[in-house]
Amino acid sequence: MLKSPPMVIIYTKTGCPYCAAAKEYHVSKGVEFIEVNLSVESRRIPEIVKLTGKRIVPAIVEDDGKVTRGWQGGG
C-alpha cells in the first residue's frame, strides 16, 4: 500500500511577506502544502482562531497536528 506524503496546511493572507517566506521555504524543501488564503476564504477565519487562539498568519499546521504561529519573527 502506498503511503501518501505528509500534508501541511499554511494559512495566509494576501500581501503578507511572512506568509510568502513560509511558502517559499516549504517549496525549497520539497514539502507539499495546501494554502488557505484567508483574504479569499474569510469563512475559514474561525479555523485559525481555533488553532492559534487569535487571528495570526502565517499559521502552519503539520500533518501530525503541530501548529506554528508566525514565521521567523513575523505574524
Protein backbone atom coordinates (compact mmCIF):
# COMPACT_ATOMS: atom_id res chain seq x y z
CA MET A 1 0.00 0.00 0.00
CA LEU A 2 1.35 3.44 -0.91
CA LYS A 3 1.58 5.94 1.87
CA SER A 4 0.51 9.44 0.94
CA PRO A 5 3.06 12.19 1.58
CA PRO A 6 2.65 14.31 4.69
CA MET A 7 0.39 17.26 4.08
CA VAL A 8 0.96 20.68 5.54
CA ILE A 9 -1.61 23.47 5.61
CA ILE A 10 -0.37 27.06 5.53
CA TYR A 11 -2.91 29.74 6.44
CA THR A 12 -2.00 33.02 4.74
CA LYS A 13 -3.38 36.40 3.73
CA THR A 14 -2.75 38.41 0.60
CA GLY A 15 0.27 40.70 0.78
CA CYS A 16 1.83 39.09 3.87
CA PRO A 17 5.62 38.88 3.42
CA TYR A 18 5.96 36.32 6.23
CA CYS A 19 3.36 34.13 4.54
CA ALA A 20 5.29 34.35 1.28
CA ALA A 21 8.52 33.43 3.09
CA ALA A 22 6.88 30.42 4.78
CA LYS A 23 5.55 29.16 1.46
CA GLU A 24 8.90 29.72 -0.24
CA TYR A 25 10.70 27.78 2.49
CA HIS A 26 8.37 24.79 2.16
CA VAL A 27 8.72 24.81 -1.63
CA SER A 28 12.53 24.93 -1.31
CA LYS A 29 12.41 21.88 0.97
CA GLY A 30 10.10 19.97 -1.37
CA VAL A 31 7.30 19.91 1.20
CA GLU A 32 3.85 19.74 -0.33
CA PHE A 33 1.29 22.03 1.26
CA ILE A 34 -2.19 23.37 0.88
CA GLU A 35 -2.54 27.13 1.11
CA VAL A 36 -5.62 28.61 2.74
CA ASN A 37 -5.65 32.31 1.86
CA LEU A 38 -7.91 33.91 4.45
CA SER A 39 -8.20 37.06 2.32
CA VAL A 40 -10.05 34.93 -0.21
CA GLU A 41 -11.59 32.32 2.11
CA SER A 42 -12.68 34.54 5.00
CA ARG A 43 -15.27 31.97 6.08
CA ARG A 44 -12.30 29.90 7.32
CA ILE A 45 -11.06 32.55 9.78
CA PRO A 46 -12.70 30.71 12.71
CA GLU A 47 -10.36 27.76 11.94
CA ILE A 48 -7.28 29.92 12.51
CA VAL A 49 -8.71 31.33 15.73
CA LYS A 50 -9.43 27.81 16.99
CA LEU A 51 -5.92 26.62 16.07
CA THR A 52 -3.91 29.60 17.35
CA GLY A 53 -6.16 31.45 19.78
CA LYS A 54 -6.13 34.55 17.60
CA ARG A 55 -6.12 35.80 14.03
CA ILE A 56 -2.46 35.33 13.11
CA VAL A 57 -0.84 34.39 9.82
CA PRO A 58 1.02 32.59 8.69
CA ALA A 59 -0.08 29.60 10.67
CA ILE A 60 1.38 26.29 9.64
CA VAL A 61 -0.32 23.03 10.53
CA GLU A 62 1.85 19.94 10.16
CA ASP A 63 0.37 16.54 9.36
CA ASP A 64 0.97 15.49 12.97
CA GLY A 65 -1.19 18.38 14.22
CA LYS A 66 1.66 20.64 15.35
CA VAL A 67 0.76 24.31 14.79
CA THR A 68 3.38 27.02 14.23
CA ARG A 69 2.20 30.60 14.64
CA GLY A 70 4.03 33.23 12.61
CA TRP A 71 7.21 32.78 10.64
CA GLN A 72 10.73 33.85 11.56
CA GLY A 73 9.66 36.73 13.78
CA GLY A 74 6.58 37.75 11.83
CA GLY A 75 2.92 37.16 12.19
